[in-house]
Amino acid sequence: MKKDNAEQRYMGNLLELPPISHDENEEIFEALLPDKGVLIERIISIGQASPENFWYDQERDEWVVVLQGSAKLTWIDGRHLELKPGDWVFIPAHDKHRVEWTSSNPPCIWLAVHGALIED
């Protein structure tokens, strides 16, 4: 992401990849705007998956869309979802889930929004 100092605007291209190390343990997380209660971030995954027996149990809701590549999510209750470009999912806070796999060629590019996104 680039910051235009003259205009104080943030801009970038979500599909433009930074130099990527093909170290499979390195995922890239980029906050696109400062987190003022809602975090908007780009995630670049290159074949990563959640560690064995690890479940995300996030404090905030998450809305995520796959922009490039593909991925598979699994929930602790046994649900599964394969995502391809354009597919999105809303994950309420504390809905335990994990990433089973992500594509490496092409890299999986996610756009994620974290926050108190809906009322209970």
C-alpha atoms as a PDB file:
ATOM      1  CA  MET A   1       0.000   0.000   0.000  1.00  0.00           C
ATOM      2  CA  LYS A   2       1.244   3.463  -0.840  1.00  0.00           C
ATOM      3  CA  LYS A   3       0.383   6.663   0.986  1.00  0.00           C
ATOM      4  CA  ASP A   4       0.081   9.748  -1.211  1.00  0.00           C
ATOM      5  CA  ASN A   5       1.649  12.405   1.043  1.00  0.00           C
ATOM      6  CA  ALA A   6       0.249  15.361  -0.943  1.00  0.00           C
ATOM      7  CA  GLU A   7      -3.347  14.171  -0.714  1.00  0.00           C
ATOM      8  CA  GLN A   8      -3.027  12.096   2.494  1.00  0.00           C
ATOM      9  CA  ARG A   9      -4.986   9.337   0.771  1.00  0.00           C
ATOM     10  CA  TYR A  10      -4.220   5.684   0.882  1.00  0.00           C
ATOM     11  CA  MET A  11      -4.177   3.722  -2.350  1.00  0.00           C
ATOM     12  CA  GLY A  12      -2.909   0.511  -3.839  1.00  0.00           C
ATOM     13  CA  ASN A  13      -3.735  -2.501  -5.958  1.00  0.00           C
ATOM     14  CA  LEU A  14      -5.045  -5.538  -4.095  1.00  0.00           C
ATOM     15  CA  LEU A  15      -3.817  -7.930  -6.797  1.00  0.00           C
ATOM     16  CA  GLU A  16      -0.301  -6.493  -7.081  1.00  0.00           C
ATOM     17  CA  LEU A  17       1.994  -8.822  -5.166  1.00  0.00           C
ATOM     18  CA  PRO A  18       5.033  -7.676  -3.212  1.00  0.00           C
ATOM     19  CA  PRO A  19       8.251  -9.699  -3.593  1.00  0.00           C
ATOM     20  CA  ILE A  20       7.374 -13.056  -2.090  1.00  0.00           C
ATOM     21  CA  SER A  21       9.689 -15.506  -0.403  1.00  0.00           C
ATOM     22  CA  HIS A  22       8.524 -19.028  -1.111  1.00  0.00           C
ATOM     23  CA  ASP A  23       9.035 -19.941   2.554  1.00  0.00           C
ATOM     24  CA  GLU A  24       5.768 -21.774   3.247  1.00  0.00           C
ATOM     25  CA  ASN A  25       5.708 -20.509   6.839  1.00  0.00           C
ATOM     26  CA  GLU A  26       5.507 -16.860   5.812  1.00  0.00           C
ATOM     27  CA  GLU A  27       2.073 -15.397   5.231  1.00  0.00           C
ATOM     28  CA  ILE A  28       1.787 -11.674   4.520  1.00  0.00           C
ATOM     29  CA  PHE A  29      -0.708  -9.573   6.510  1.00  0.00           C
ATOM     30  CA  GLU A  30      -1.153  -5.953   5.390  1.00  0.00           C
ATOM     31  CA  ALA A  31      -3.466  -3.539   7.202  1.00  0.00           C
ATOM     32  CA  LEU A  32      -4.906  -1.349   4.444  1.00  0.00           C
ATOM     33  CA  LEU A  33      -6.215   1.343   6.771  1.00  0.00           C
ATOM     34  CA  PRO A  34      -5.455   2.132  10.421  1.00  0.00           C
ATOM     35  CA  ASP A  35      -7.510  -0.046  12.797  1.00  0.00           C
ATOM     36  CA  LYS A  36     -10.009   2.335  14.403  1.00  0.00           C
ATOM     37  CA  GLY A  37     -12.416  -0.396  15.467  1.00  0.00           C
ATOM     38  CA  VAL A  38     -12.591  -2.056  12.059  1.00  0.00           C
ATOM     39  CA  LEU A  39      -9.500  -3.680  10.558  1.00  0.00           C
ATOM     40  CA  ILE A  40      -9.352  -4.044   6.774  1.00  0.00           C
ATOM     41  CA  GLU A  41      -6.429  -6.192   5.707  1.00  0.00           C
ATOM     42  CA  ARG A  42      -5.026  -8.025   2.723  1.00  0.00           C
ATOM     43  CA  ILE A  43      -3.668 -11.482   3.438  1.00  0.00           C
ATOM     44  CA  ILE A  44      -1.390 -13.266   0.985  1.00  0.00           C
ATOM     45  CA  SER A  45      -1.110 -17.017   1.551  1.00  0.00           C
ATOM     46  CA  ILE A  46       1.258 -19.234  -0.387  1.00  0.00           C
ATOM     47  CA  GLY A  47       0.194 -22.754   0.468  1.00  0.00           C
ATOM     48  CA  GLN A  48      -0.198 -22.165   4.211  1.00  0.00           C
ATOM     49  CA  ALA A  49      -2.646 -23.953   6.484  1.00  0.00           C
ATOM     50  CA  SER A  50      -3.500 -23.664  10.160  1.00  0.00           C
ATOM     51  CA  PRO A  51      -1.295 -25.763  12.442  1.00  0.00           C
ATOM     52  CA  GLU A  52      -2.592 -29.243  13.335  1.00  0.00           C
ATOM     53  CA  ASN A  53      -5.369 -29.073  15.978  1.00  0.00           C
ATOM     54  CA  PHE A  54      -5.343 -25.231  15.943  1.00  0.00           C
ATOM     55  CA  TRP A  55      -8.651 -23.337  15.815  1.00  0.00           C
ATOM     56  CA  TYR A  56      -9.063 -19.603  15.338  1.00  0.00           C
ATOM     57  CA  ASP A  57     -11.263 -18.217  18.136  1.00  0.00           C
ATOM     58  CA  GLN A  58     -11.347 -14.547  17.246  1.00  0.00           C
ATOM     59  CA  GLU A  59     -12.627 -11.724  19.446  1.00  0.00           C
ATOM     60  CA  ARG A  60     -14.148  -9.882  16.471  1.00  0.00           C
ATOM     61  CA  ASP A  61     -16.402 -10.828  13.568  1.00  0.00           C
ATOM     62  CA  GLU A  62     -14.625 -11.441  10.265  1.00  0.00           C
ATOM     63  CA  TRP A  63     -15.855 -11.003   6.710  1.00  0.00           C
ATOM     64  CA  VAL A  64     -13.438 -12.429   4.167  1.00  0.00           C
ATOM     65  CA  VAL A  65     -13.368 -12.722   0.373  1.00  0.00           C
ATOM     66  CA  VAL A  66     -10.892 -14.587  -1.832  1.00  0.00           C
ATOM     67  CA  LEU A  67      -9.669 -12.318  -4.614  1.00  0.00           C
ATOM     68  CA  GLN A  68      -7.194 -14.738  -6.232  1.00  0.00           C
ATOM     69  CA  GLY A  69      -6.364 -18.401  -5.787  1.00  0.00           C
ATOM     70  CA  SER A  70      -8.368 -20.693  -3.559  1.00  0.00           C
ATOM     71  CA  ALA A  71      -8.656 -21.937   0.009  1.00  0.00           C
ATOM     72  CA  LYS A  72     -10.593 -24.297   2.236  1.00  0.00           C
ATOM     73  CA  LEU A  73     -11.980 -23.404   5.662  1.00  0.00           C
ATOM     74  CA  THR A  74     -13.221 -25.904   8.249  1.00  0.00           C
ATOM     75  CA  TRP A  75     -15.268 -25.210  11.374  1.00  0.00           C
ATOM     76  CA  ILE A  76     -15.017 -27.097  14.644  1.00  0.00           C
ATOM     77  CA  ASP A  77     -18.581 -28.400  14.120  1.00  0.00           C
ATOM     78  CA  GLY A  78     -17.472 -30.182  10.909  1.00  0.00           C
ATOM     79  CA  ARG A  79     -18.629 -27.662   8.288  1.00  0.00           C
ATOM     80  CA  HIS A  80     -16.283 -27.119   5.313  1.00  0.00           C
ATOM     81  CA  LEU A  81     -16.147 -24.397   2.686  1.00  0.00           C
ATOM     82  CA  GLU A  82     -13.944 -24.196  -0.396  1.00  0.00           C
ATOM     83  CA  LEU A  83     -13.456 -20.644  -1.622  1.00  0.00           C
ATOM     84  CA  LYS A  84     -12.488 -19.502  -5.117  1.00  0.00           C
ATOM     85  CA  PRO A  85     -12.143 -15.950  -6.480  1.00  0.00           C
ATOM     86  CA  GLY A  86     -15.194 -13.881  -5.599  1.00  0.00           C
ATOM     87  CA  ASP A  87     -16.425 -16.211  -2.837  1.00  0.00           C
ATOM     88  CA  TRP A  88     -16.899 -14.623   0.578  1.00  0.00           C
ATOM     89  CA  VAL A  89     -17.969 -15.722   4.028  1.00  0.00           C
ATOM     90  CA  PHE A  90     -18.951 -14.022   7.277  1.00  0.00           C
ATOM     91  CA  ILE A  91     -17.478 -15.626  10.406  1.00  0.00           C
ATOM     92  CA  PRO A  92     -19.016 -14.418  13.686  1.00  0.00           C
ATOM     93  CA  ALA A  93     -16.713 -13.768  16.645  1.00  0.00           C
ATOM     94  CA  HIS A  94     -15.766 -16.975  18.516  1.00  0.00           C
ATOM     95  CA  ASP A  95     -16.960 -19.230  15.658  1.00  0.00           C
ATOM     96  CA  LYS A  96     -14.006 -21.626  15.827  1.00  0.00           C
ATOM     97  CA  HIS A  97     -12.521 -22.347  12.415  1.00  0.00           C
ATOM     98  CA  ARG A  98      -9.252 -23.157  10.680  1.00  0.00           C
ATOM     99  CA  VAL A  99      -7.635 -22.887   7.255  1.00  0.00           C
ATOM    100  CA  GLU A 100      -7.208 -26.386   5.808  1.00  0.00           C
ATOM    101  CA  TRP A 101      -5.212 -25.252   2.777  1.00  0.00           C
ATOM    102  CA  THR A 102      -4.492 -22.342   0.481  1.00  0.00           C
ATOM    103  CA  SER A 103      -3.274 -22.340  -3.099  1.00  0.00           C
ATOM    104  CA  SER A 104       0.342 -21.479  -3.817  1.00  0.00           C
ATOM    105  CA  ASN A 105       0.202 -21.050  -7.593  1.00  0.00           C
ATOM    106  CA  PRO A 106      -1.399 -18.617  -7.818  1.00  0.00           C
ATOM    107  CA  PRO A 107      -1.012 -17.324  -4.268  1.00  0.00           C
ATOM    108  CA  CYS A 108      -4.276 -16.960  -2.367  1.00  0.00           C
ATOM    109  CA  ILE A 109      -5.122 -13.288  -1.857  1.00  0.00           C
ATOM    110  CA  TRP A 110      -7.754 -12.580   0.787  1.00  0.00           C
ATOM    111  CA  LEU A 111      -9.444  -9.327   1.728  1.00  0.00           C
ATOM    112  CA  ALA A 112     -10.535  -9.493   5.363  1.00  0.00           C
ATOM    113  CA  VAL A 113     -12.611  -7.105   7.441  1.00  0.00           C
ATOM    114  CA  HIS A 114     -12.523  -7.569  11.238  1.00  0.00           C
ATOM    115  CA  GLY A 115     -14.734  -5.760  13.750  1.00  0.00           C
ATOM    116  CA  ALA A 116     -18.111  -5.733  15.473  1.00  0.00           C
ATOM    117  CA  LEU A 117     -19.800  -6.104  12.092  1.00  0.00           C
ATOM    118  CA  ILE A 118     -23.333  -7.219  12.996  1.00  0.00           C
ATOM    119  CA  GLU A 119     -25.521  -6.986  16.068  1.00  0.00           C
ATOM    120  CA  ASP A 120     -26.479 -10.159  17.913  1.00  0.00           C
END
